[in-house]
Amino acid sequence: MKSIDKLNSYQRIHTQWSGLFDPNVPLISNLSNASALLYKELKPWWVGFYLVEGDDLYLGPFQGPVACTRIPKGKGVCGSSWEKQATIIVPDVHKFPGHIACSEISNSEIVIPIFHNGDVWGVLDIDSADFNTFDEVDALELEKFCASLTFK
């Protein structure tokens, strides 16, 4: 997707999200709508959230086929993003050391850590069946989106 098309998609996402997000409902309700909105607008192969509990990430709301349910800190792309507290863009997941293959269909991925009071409480994980899907435009816009995901 061209950068201008991506920017238009993200503008629609941000606009719709400002009307969907409800700070008065449980976080899980907002994450459910967030995953549905991102799936509808970005049309990835898989999009979802993993939530921190102890030393692991556990599957949260998502859209797409079934997924891994537990990821240890520092393992795979999601666990690495959490550990490094940084967005990770992977053009080819088959070349990522320690990649956790929940499905052979996934070929590229972006993972964004989500913060509350300086701590990571979860990650947003988006997978594509295509190689080289994600870039800095995605990273910047998805980081903005994740910053809007706040606790009740």
N, C-alpha and C. Protein backbone atom coordinates (compact mmCIF):
# COMPACT_ATOMS: atom_id res chain seq x y z
N MET A 1 0.85 -1.18 0.00
CA MET A 1 0.00 0.00 0.00
C MET A 1 0.90 1.24 0.00
N LYS A 2 0.59 2.22 -0.83
CA LYS A 2 1.37 3.46 -0.89
C LYS A 2 1.21 4.23 0.41
N SER A 3 2.21 5.05 0.73
CA SER A 3 2.19 5.83 1.97
C SER A 3 0.97 6.73 2.08
N ILE A 4 0.56 7.35 0.97
CA ILE A 4 -0.60 8.24 1.02
C ILE A 4 -1.86 7.44 1.32
N ASP A 5 -1.98 6.23 0.75
CA ASP A 5 -3.12 5.38 1.04
C ASP A 5 -3.11 4.96 2.50
N LYS A 6 -1.93 4.64 3.02
CA LYS A 6 -1.81 4.27 4.43
C LYS A 6 -2.24 5.43 5.32
N LEU A 7 -1.77 6.61 5.00
CA LEU A 7 -2.12 7.78 5.82
C LEU A 7 -3.62 8.02 5.82
N ASN A 8 -4.26 7.83 4.66
CA ASN A 8 -5.71 7.98 4.58
C ASN A 8 -6.41 6.92 5.43
N SER A 9 -5.92 5.69 5.38
CA SER A 9 -6.49 4.62 6.21
C SER A 9 -6.34 4.95 7.69
N TYR A 10 -5.17 5.42 8.08
CA TYR A 10 -4.95 5.74 9.49
C TYR A 10 -5.78 6.95 9.93
N GLN A 11 -5.99 7.89 9.03
CA GLN A 11 -6.86 9.02 9.38
C GLN A 11 -8.27 8.53 9.67
N ARG A 12 -8.77 7.62 8.83
CA ARG A 12 -10.09 7.04 9.08
C ARG A 12 -10.12 6.28 10.41
N ILE A 13 -9.06 5.55 10.69
CA ILE A 13 -8.98 4.80 11.96
C ILE A 13 -9.03 5.75 13.14
N HIS A 14 -8.20 6.79 13.12
CA HIS A 14 -8.16 7.73 14.25
C HIS A 14 -9.52 8.43 14.43
N THR A 15 -10.14 8.81 13.32
CA THR A 15 -11.44 9.48 13.38
C THR A 15 -12.50 8.55 13.97
N GLN A 16 -12.56 7.32 13.46
CA GLN A 16 -13.55 6.37 13.96
C GLN A 16 -13.28 6.01 15.43
N TRP A 17 -12.00 5.88 15.77
CA TRP A 17 -11.65 5.49 17.13
C TRP A 17 -12.06 6.56 18.14
N SER A 18 -11.96 7.81 17.75
CA SER A 18 -12.34 8.88 18.68
C SER A 18 -13.82 8.78 19.03
N GLY A 19 -14.64 8.21 18.16
CA GLY A 19 -16.05 8.01 18.45
C GLY A 19 -16.36 6.68 19.12
N LEU A 20 -15.51 5.69 18.92
CA LEU A 20 -15.73 4.36 19.49
C LEU A 20 -15.19 4.21 20.90
N PHE A 21 -14.03 4.81 21.17
CA PHE A 21 -13.38 4.62 22.47
C PHE A 21 -14.27 5.16 23.59
N ASP A 22 -14.47 4.35 24.61
CA ASP A 22 -15.29 4.75 25.75
C ASP A 22 -14.49 4.52 27.02
N PRO A 23 -14.02 5.58 27.66
CA PRO A 23 -13.21 5.43 28.88
C PRO A 23 -14.00 4.89 30.07
N ASN A 24 -15.31 4.77 29.93
CA ASN A 24 -16.15 4.32 31.03
C ASN A 24 -16.51 2.84 30.98
N VAL A 25 -15.94 2.11 30.03
CA VAL A 25 -16.20 0.67 29.95
C VAL A 25 -14.91 -0.08 30.26
N PRO A 26 -15.00 -1.38 30.58
CA PRO A 26 -13.78 -2.15 30.83
C PRO A 26 -12.84 -2.13 29.62
N LEU A 27 -11.56 -2.20 29.90
CA LEU A 27 -10.53 -2.17 28.86
C LEU A 27 -10.78 -3.23 27.79
N ILE A 28 -11.19 -4.41 28.20
CA ILE A 28 -11.40 -5.51 27.25
C ILE A 28 -12.44 -5.14 26.20
N SER A 29 -13.43 -4.35 26.56
CA SER A 29 -14.45 -3.91 25.60
C SER A 29 -13.83 -2.99 24.55
N ASN A 30 -13.00 -2.05 24.99
CA ASN A 30 -12.34 -1.16 24.05
C ASN A 30 -11.35 -1.91 23.16
N LEU A 31 -10.62 -2.86 23.73
CA LEU A 31 -9.67 -3.63 22.92
C LEU A 31 -10.38 -4.47 21.88
N SER A 32 -11.55 -4.96 22.22
CA SER A 32 -12.34 -5.74 21.25
C SER A 32 -12.72 -4.87 20.06
N ASN A 33 -13.23 -3.68 20.33
CA ASN A 33 -13.57 -2.76 19.23
C ASN A 33 -12.32 -2.31 18.47
N ALA A 34 -11.23 -2.09 19.19
CA ALA A 34 -9.99 -1.66 18.54
C ALA A 34 -9.51 -2.72 17.54
N SER A 35 -9.51 -3.99 17.95
CA SER A 35 -9.05 -5.03 17.03
C SER A 35 -9.97 -5.14 15.82
N ALA A 36 -11.28 -4.99 16.03
CA ALA A 36 -12.22 -5.05 14.91
C ALA A 36 -12.02 -3.89 13.95
N LEU A 37 -11.81 -2.69 14.50
CA LEU A 37 -11.60 -1.51 13.66
C LEU A 37 -10.32 -1.64 12.83
N LEU A 38 -9.22 -2.04 13.46
CA LEU A 38 -7.96 -2.19 12.73
C LEU A 38 -8.06 -3.27 11.66
N TYR A 39 -8.75 -4.35 11.98
CA TYR A 39 -8.92 -5.44 11.02
C TYR A 39 -9.73 -4.97 9.81
N LYS A 40 -10.78 -4.23 10.08
CA LYS A 40 -11.65 -3.73 8.99
C LYS A 40 -10.91 -2.75 8.09
N GLU A 41 -10.17 -1.83 8.69
CA GLU A 41 -9.53 -0.76 7.91
C GLU A 41 -8.21 -1.17 7.26
N LEU A 42 -7.39 -1.95 7.97
CA LEU A 42 -6.06 -2.29 7.45
C LEU A 42 -6.06 -3.59 6.64
N LYS A 43 -7.07 -4.42 6.86
CA LYS A 43 -7.20 -5.70 6.17
C LYS A 43 -5.95 -6.57 6.27
N PRO A 44 -5.41 -6.71 7.49
CA PRO A 44 -4.26 -7.60 7.65
C PRO A 44 -4.72 -9.05 7.69
N TRP A 45 -3.77 -9.96 7.77
CA TRP A 45 -4.14 -11.36 7.93
C TRP A 45 -4.60 -11.62 9.37
N TRP A 46 -3.98 -10.93 10.35
CA TRP A 46 -4.33 -11.13 11.77
C TRP A 46 -4.01 -9.84 12.52
N VAL A 47 -4.85 -9.47 13.46
CA VAL A 47 -4.59 -8.32 14.34
C VAL A 47 -5.14 -8.64 15.72
N GLY A 48 -4.35 -8.33 16.74
CA GLY A 48 -4.84 -8.57 18.08
C GLY A 48 -3.92 -8.05 19.16
N PHE A 49 -4.35 -8.26 20.37
CA PHE A 49 -3.63 -7.79 21.54
C PHE A 49 -3.18 -8.97 22.38
N TYR A 50 -1.99 -8.83 22.95
CA TYR A 50 -1.50 -9.74 23.97
C TYR A 50 -1.32 -8.90 25.23
N LEU A 51 -1.78 -9.43 26.37
CA LEU A 51 -1.78 -8.69 27.62
C LEU A 51 -0.79 -9.29 28.60
N VAL A 52 -0.05 -8.43 29.28
CA VAL A 52 0.96 -8.85 30.25
C VAL A 52 0.28 -9.40 31.50
N GLU A 53 0.74 -10.57 31.91
CA GLU A 53 0.35 -11.14 33.19
C GLU A 53 1.57 -11.91 33.70
N GLY A 54 2.20 -11.38 34.76
CA GLY A 54 3.42 -12.00 35.26
C GLY A 54 4.54 -11.87 34.24
N ASP A 55 5.17 -12.99 33.90
CA ASP A 55 6.28 -13.00 32.94
C ASP A 55 5.86 -13.45 31.55
N ASP A 56 4.56 -13.39 31.28
CA ASP A 56 4.05 -13.85 30.00
C ASP A 56 3.06 -12.86 29.41
N LEU A 57 2.90 -12.96 28.10
CA LEU A 57 1.83 -12.28 27.39
C LEU A 57 0.74 -13.31 27.12
N TYR A 58 -0.51 -12.92 27.36
CA TYR A 58 -1.62 -13.82 27.09
C TYR A 58 -2.53 -13.20 26.04
N LEU A 59 -3.06 -14.06 25.18
CA LEU A 59 -3.92 -13.63 24.09
C LEU A 59 -5.11 -12.84 24.61
N GLY A 60 -5.33 -11.69 24.00
CA GLY A 60 -6.48 -10.85 24.30
C GLY A 60 -7.38 -10.79 23.08
N PRO A 61 -8.20 -9.75 22.98
CA PRO A 61 -9.09 -9.62 21.83
C PRO A 61 -8.32 -9.58 20.51
N PHE A 62 -8.86 -10.27 19.51
CA PHE A 62 -8.19 -10.32 18.20
C PHE A 62 -9.20 -10.57 17.11
N GLN A 63 -8.75 -10.39 15.87
CA GLN A 63 -9.52 -10.69 14.67
C GLN A 63 -8.63 -11.54 13.77
N GLY A 64 -9.18 -12.63 13.26
CA GLY A 64 -8.41 -13.51 12.39
C GLY A 64 -8.46 -14.93 12.90
N PRO A 65 -7.63 -15.80 12.32
CA PRO A 65 -7.61 -17.20 12.73
C PRO A 65 -7.10 -17.37 14.16
N VAL A 66 -7.25 -18.58 14.68
CA VAL A 66 -6.79 -18.88 16.03
C VAL A 66 -5.31 -18.52 16.17
N ALA A 67 -4.90 -18.27 17.43
CA ALA A 67 -3.54 -17.76 17.66
C ALA A 67 -2.91 -18.42 18.87
N CYS A 68 -1.62 -18.18 19.02
CA CYS A 68 -0.90 -18.63 20.21
C CYS A 68 -1.52 -17.95 21.43
N THR A 69 -1.62 -18.67 22.52
CA THR A 69 -2.30 -18.12 23.69
C THR A 69 -1.35 -17.57 24.75
N ARG A 70 -0.07 -18.00 24.75
CA ARG A 70 0.88 -17.53 25.76
C ARG A 70 2.24 -17.34 25.10
N ILE A 71 2.85 -16.20 25.39
CA ILE A 71 4.18 -15.90 24.85
C ILE A 71 5.04 -15.40 26.00
N PRO A 72 6.16 -16.08 26.29
CA PRO A 72 7.05 -15.63 27.36
C PRO A 72 7.75 -14.31 27.01
N LYS A 73 8.07 -13.54 28.03
CA LYS A 73 8.80 -12.28 27.85
C LYS A 73 10.12 -12.56 27.14
N GLY A 74 10.40 -11.77 26.11
CA GLY A 74 11.65 -11.91 25.36
C GLY A 74 11.60 -12.93 24.24
N LYS A 75 10.51 -13.66 24.09
CA LYS A 75 10.41 -14.69 23.06
C LYS A 75 9.57 -14.20 21.88
N GLY A 76 9.99 -14.56 20.69
CA GLY A 76 9.27 -14.16 19.49
C GLY A 76 9.25 -12.66 19.31
N VAL A 77 8.50 -12.19 18.35
CA VAL A 77 8.42 -10.76 18.07
C VAL A 77 7.67 -10.04 19.19
N CYS A 78 6.55 -10.62 19.64
CA CYS A 78 5.75 -9.97 20.69
C CYS A 78 6.52 -9.88 22.00
N GLY A 79 7.10 -10.99 22.42
CA GLY A 79 7.87 -10.99 23.67
C GLY A 79 9.09 -10.10 23.61
N SER A 80 9.70 -9.99 22.44
CA SER A 80 10.86 -9.11 22.25
C SER A 80 10.45 -7.64 22.31
N SER A 81 9.32 -7.31 21.69
CA SER A 81 8.82 -5.93 21.73
C SER A 81 8.55 -5.52 23.17
N TRP A 82 7.93 -6.42 23.93
CA TRP A 82 7.65 -6.15 25.34
C TRP A 82 8.95 -5.94 26.11
N GLU A 83 9.89 -6.85 25.94
CA GLU A 83 11.15 -6.77 26.68
C GLU A 83 11.94 -5.51 26.35
N LYS A 84 11.99 -5.15 25.06
CA LYS A 84 12.75 -3.98 24.61
C LYS A 84 11.95 -2.69 24.76
N GLN A 85 10.65 -2.80 25.03
CA GLN A 85 9.76 -1.65 25.12
C GLN A 85 9.85 -0.79 23.87
N ALA A 86 9.83 -1.46 22.73
CA ALA A 86 9.98 -0.77 21.45
C ALA A 86 9.17 -1.47 20.36
N THR A 87 8.73 -0.68 19.39
CA THR A 87 8.05 -1.22 18.23
C THR A 87 9.05 -2.02 17.40
N ILE A 88 8.60 -3.16 16.91
CA ILE A 88 9.44 -3.99 16.06
C ILE A 88 8.70 -4.24 14.75
N ILE A 89 9.37 -3.93 13.64
CA ILE A 89 8.86 -4.20 12.30
C ILE A 89 9.68 -5.35 11.74
N VAL A 90 9.01 -6.40 11.29
CA VAL A 90 9.69 -7.57 10.74
C VAL A 90 9.24 -7.78 9.30
N PRO A 91 10.09 -7.46 8.32
CA PRO A 91 9.71 -7.62 6.91
C PRO A 91 9.51 -9.08 6.50
N ASP A 92 10.27 -10.00 7.14
CA ASP A 92 10.18 -11.43 6.84
C ASP A 92 10.32 -12.19 8.16
N VAL A 93 9.20 -12.67 8.68
CA VAL A 93 9.23 -13.33 9.99
C VAL A 93 10.07 -14.60 9.99
N HIS A 94 10.27 -15.19 8.84
CA HIS A 94 11.05 -16.42 8.76
C HIS A 94 12.54 -16.17 9.01
N LYS A 95 12.94 -14.90 8.96
CA LYS A 95 14.33 -14.53 9.23
C LYS A 95 14.52 -13.94 10.62
N PHE A 96 13.45 -13.86 11.41
CA PHE A 96 13.53 -13.30 12.77
C PHE A 96 13.94 -14.41 13.73
N PRO A 97 15.10 -14.26 14.38
CA PRO A 97 15.56 -15.31 15.30
C PRO A 97 14.55 -15.55 16.43
N GLY A 98 14.14 -16.80 16.58
CA GLY A 98 13.21 -17.14 17.65
C GLY A 98 11.76 -16.84 17.35
N HIS A 99 11.44 -16.54 16.09
CA HIS A 99 10.05 -16.25 15.73
C HIS A 99 9.16 -17.41 16.16
N ILE A 100 8.03 -17.08 16.77
CA ILE A 100 7.05 -18.09 17.17
C ILE A 100 6.03 -18.19 16.04
N ALA A 101 6.04 -19.31 15.35
CA ALA A 101 5.16 -19.48 14.19
C ALA A 101 3.82 -20.03 14.62
N CYS A 102 2.85 -19.13 14.84
CA CYS A 102 1.49 -19.57 15.14
C CYS A 102 0.82 -20.08 13.87
N SER A 103 1.29 -19.60 12.72
CA SER A 103 0.77 -20.04 11.43
C SER A 103 1.83 -19.81 10.36
N GLU A 104 1.90 -20.72 9.41
CA GLU A 104 2.83 -20.58 8.30
C GLU A 104 2.38 -19.52 7.30
N ILE A 105 1.17 -19.02 7.45
CA ILE A 105 0.64 -18.01 6.53
C ILE A 105 1.25 -16.63 6.79
N SER A 106 1.61 -16.35 8.03
CA SER A 106 2.17 -15.05 8.38
C SER A 106 3.57 -14.91 7.80
N ASN A 107 3.82 -13.78 7.10
CA ASN A 107 5.12 -13.54 6.50
C ASN A 107 5.79 -12.24 6.96
N SER A 108 5.01 -11.27 7.41
CA SER A 108 5.59 -10.04 7.98
C SER A 108 4.73 -9.63 9.16
N GLU A 109 5.32 -8.77 10.01
CA GLU A 109 4.66 -8.48 11.29
C GLU A 109 5.13 -7.14 11.83
N ILE A 110 4.25 -6.51 12.59
CA ILE A 110 4.61 -5.32 13.36
C ILE A 110 4.01 -5.51 14.76
N VAL A 111 4.80 -5.18 15.77
CA VAL A 111 4.34 -5.29 17.16
C VAL A 111 4.66 -3.98 17.86
N ILE A 112 3.66 -3.43 18.54
CA ILE A 112 3.78 -2.15 19.24
C ILE A 112 3.49 -2.37 20.72
N PRO A 113 4.43 -2.00 21.60
CA PRO A 113 4.15 -2.10 23.03
C PRO A 113 3.17 -1.01 23.44
N ILE A 114 2.34 -1.33 24.45
CA ILE A 114 1.35 -0.37 24.93
C ILE A 114 1.67 -0.07 26.40
N PHE A 115 1.77 1.22 26.71
CA PHE A 115 2.25 1.66 28.02
C PHE A 115 1.14 2.25 28.88
N HIS A 116 1.33 2.12 30.19
CA HIS A 116 0.52 2.82 31.20
C HIS A 116 1.46 3.16 32.34
N ASN A 117 1.59 4.45 32.64
CA ASN A 117 2.50 4.91 33.69
C ASN A 117 3.92 4.37 33.50
N GLY A 118 4.38 4.32 32.26
CA GLY A 118 5.74 3.90 31.96
C GLY A 118 5.97 2.41 31.87
N ASP A 119 4.96 1.60 32.18
CA ASP A 119 5.09 0.14 32.12
C ASP A 119 4.31 -0.41 30.93
N VAL A 120 4.85 -1.46 30.33
CA VAL A 120 4.15 -2.12 29.23
C VAL A 120 3.09 -3.03 29.83
N TRP A 121 1.84 -2.85 29.42
CA TRP A 121 0.75 -3.71 29.90
C TRP A 121 0.24 -4.65 28.80
N GLY A 122 0.71 -4.43 27.58
CA GLY A 122 0.30 -5.29 26.48
C GLY A 122 1.00 -4.88 25.20
N VAL A 123 0.74 -5.64 24.16
CA VAL A 123 1.26 -5.30 22.84
C VAL A 123 0.15 -5.46 21.81
N LEU A 124 0.24 -4.65 20.76
CA LEU A 124 -0.60 -4.80 19.58
C LEU A 124 0.23 -5.55 18.55
N ASP A 125 -0.31 -6.63 18.03
CA ASP A 125 0.38 -7.49 17.07
C ASP A 125 -0.43 -7.51 15.79
N ILE A 126 0.21 -7.19 14.67
CA ILE A 126 -0.46 -7.24 13.37
C ILE A 126 0.41 -8.05 12.41
N ASP A 127 -0.19 -9.06 11.81
CA ASP A 127 0.52 -9.95 10.89
C ASP A 127 -0.06 -9.81 9.49
N SER A 128 0.81 -10.00 8.50
CA SER A 128 0.39 -9.95 7.10
C SER A 128 0.83 -11.24 6.41
N ALA A 129 0.04 -11.69 5.45
CA ALA A 129 0.42 -12.84 4.63
C ALA A 129 1.47 -12.44 3.59
N ASP A 130 1.64 -11.13 3.38
CA ASP A 130 2.62 -10.62 2.42
C ASP A 130 3.92 -10.28 3.13
N PHE A 131 5.01 -10.29 2.40
CA PHE A 131 6.29 -9.84 2.92
C PHE A 131 6.37 -8.31 2.85
N ASN A 132 7.18 -7.72 3.72
CA ASN A 132 7.47 -6.28 3.68
C ASN A 132 6.23 -5.40 3.72
N THR A 133 5.25 -5.76 4.53
CA THR A 133 4.00 -5.01 4.57
C THR A 133 4.11 -3.72 5.38
N PHE A 134 4.88 -3.74 6.46
CA PHE A 134 4.86 -2.64 7.42
C PHE A 134 6.10 -1.78 7.31
N ASP A 135 5.90 -0.47 7.60
CA ASP A 135 7.01 0.48 7.51
C ASP A 135 6.88 1.51 8.63
N GLU A 136 7.66 2.57 8.53
CA GLU A 136 7.68 3.60 9.58
C GLU A 136 6.34 4.35 9.68
N VAL A 137 5.62 4.46 8.58
CA VAL A 137 4.29 5.09 8.64
C VAL A 137 3.38 4.27 9.55
N ASP A 138 3.40 2.95 9.36
CA ASP A 138 2.60 2.08 10.22
C ASP A 138 3.04 2.22 11.68
N ALA A 139 4.35 2.20 11.91
CA ALA A 139 4.86 2.30 13.27
C ALA A 139 4.39 3.58 13.95
N LEU A 140 4.55 4.71 13.29
CA LEU A 140 4.15 5.99 13.86
C LEU A 140 2.65 6.06 14.14
N GLU A 141 1.85 5.66 13.16
CA GLU A 141 0.40 5.75 13.32
C GLU A 141 -0.13 4.75 14.34
N LEU A 142 0.43 3.56 14.37
CA LEU A 142 -0.03 2.56 15.34
C LEU A 142 0.44 2.91 16.76
N GLU A 143 1.59 3.53 16.89
CA GLU A 143 2.03 4.01 18.21
C GLU A 143 1.07 5.09 18.72
N LYS A 144 0.63 5.98 17.83
CA LYS A 144 -0.37 6.98 18.23
C LYS A 144 -1.66 6.31 18.65
N PHE A 145 -2.08 5.32 17.88
CA PHE A 145 -3.30 4.60 18.20
C PHE A 145 -3.18 3.93 19.58
N CYS A 146 -2.08 3.24 19.80
CA CYS A 146 -1.89 2.53 21.08
C CYS A 146 -1.82 3.50 22.26
N ALA A 147 -1.32 4.70 22.05
CA ALA A 147 -1.26 5.68 23.12
C ALA A 147 -2.67 6.09 23.59
N SER A 148 -3.67 5.88 22.72
CA SER A 148 -5.04 6.24 23.08
C SER A 148 -5.74 5.14 23.88
N LEU A 149 -5.12 3.99 24.01
CA LEU A 149 -5.72 2.87 24.74
C LEU A 149 -5.39 3.02 26.21
N THR A 150 -6.34 3.54 26.94
CA THR A 150 -6.10 3.83 28.37
C THR A 150 -7.01 3.00 29.26
N PHE A 151 -6.63 2.91 30.50
CA PHE A 151 -7.41 2.17 31.48
C PHE A 151 -8.61 2.97 31.94
N LYS A 152 -9.61 2.27 32.45
CA LYS A 152 -10.82 2.89 33.01
C LYS A 152 -10.46 3.62 34.30
